[in-house]
């Protein structure tokens, strides 16, 4: 087990500096254009693939970093560049985590490479869990998966929403109900291979922020996938459902479902994204306060501005520490006994919203225009308190964990 540390090692620092350079030289110059276009920035993703950032190898190296700091460090630097473009680069990772968390070794080896493609033929993947009537309330999910034993196929029907890369993905990972009587315990995850008949893109959303990231509905109309596309395999699913039914009869403890396993693994990473956006806005505000003069002196000489910057930096550092702690715990098998993963996501996402708003205020009228990036950063920050569990859901998870109550 790696000891928890607040200091990156030399190799991690080298990777951090490399990512920072890519974010500064490639992502930032393209940010305003792709935000306005509201389209997937394929050229930037391709550039990331060429240098090795958008690849299975890079993701795996960071994911399996024994300190747990590889993923949050990478997320912070990329999202420091721009949240919308960075989400287009890392959005495939959520689907990959879904396969890593629930799949067999064979499934991991087969499908994750197809999620990324290569520098000459870039692909993306989508994780599809939320539905029009089932966002945070995963127990209300309506998408069904029915097993056709004669053909060893699963038939999926339903509508997914808020899917990053939904409809344009090469590989979709879909969470569906296999036993409605068990509620959220009766869910399973499925791989939908490329060009599978019956899967189509529904509405593409025009969003307040992260506009360079494609978000859409995914329609599943009698989508048939081989039995081998059930993540974890049918034997494992049958055993899990049997345990859930037995515990339901006894009123026993909850069983973790596939979607929740994915979210728990990814929440600290979302916190790191928020830290990156907050840090970017803070740095713009700090530089502006140092150079902008009013009444014959830089505005940072005014206590009202200086104290805001002090609070901004303190909150950003605190958020990063919570994210790093949760990431280290997750990689080293430490249970989240106080919902530390949700704590990190909650605090970091709220920090991003607050810090970006303060940055707009410090820049005044300039901060409200698109001539300065804090306007875009402020819009982008709103998503962190919503996706992968709203702030209200994070507080519920934390409170119920502290109380020793089941998370529903």
Foldseek 3Di string as FASTA:
>chain_A
DDDADPDDDPVLVVVLVVLLVLLVPPQQVCAVVLFVVLAAPVVSLLVCQVVPNQAPVQVVCQLQPLLLCSLLSNLLSNLLSPLLNSCSSCVLVLVLLLLVLFADPVCNVPPPRLQAPGSVDGFHEKEFQADPVPAPQSLPDDWAWEADVVQQKIWTFDKTFFIFCAFVGQKYKYKHAHDNVLRLLRIFIFIQHGPFPQKHWDDWDCALASSNITTTMIGGDRGIDHQNRTGNGDVVSVVSVVVSVVCVVVVHADDDHSVNSSLLLCLLSLLSSLLSLLVSLLVVLVVQQQPDDDPHHRNCVPPVSVVLSVVLVVLSVVLVVLSSVSSSCVSVVNDPLQLSSLVSLLSSLVSSLVSLVSSLVSVDPVSCDPVDCSVNSNSHSVCSCPPSHHSVLSVQVNVCSVVVHHRD
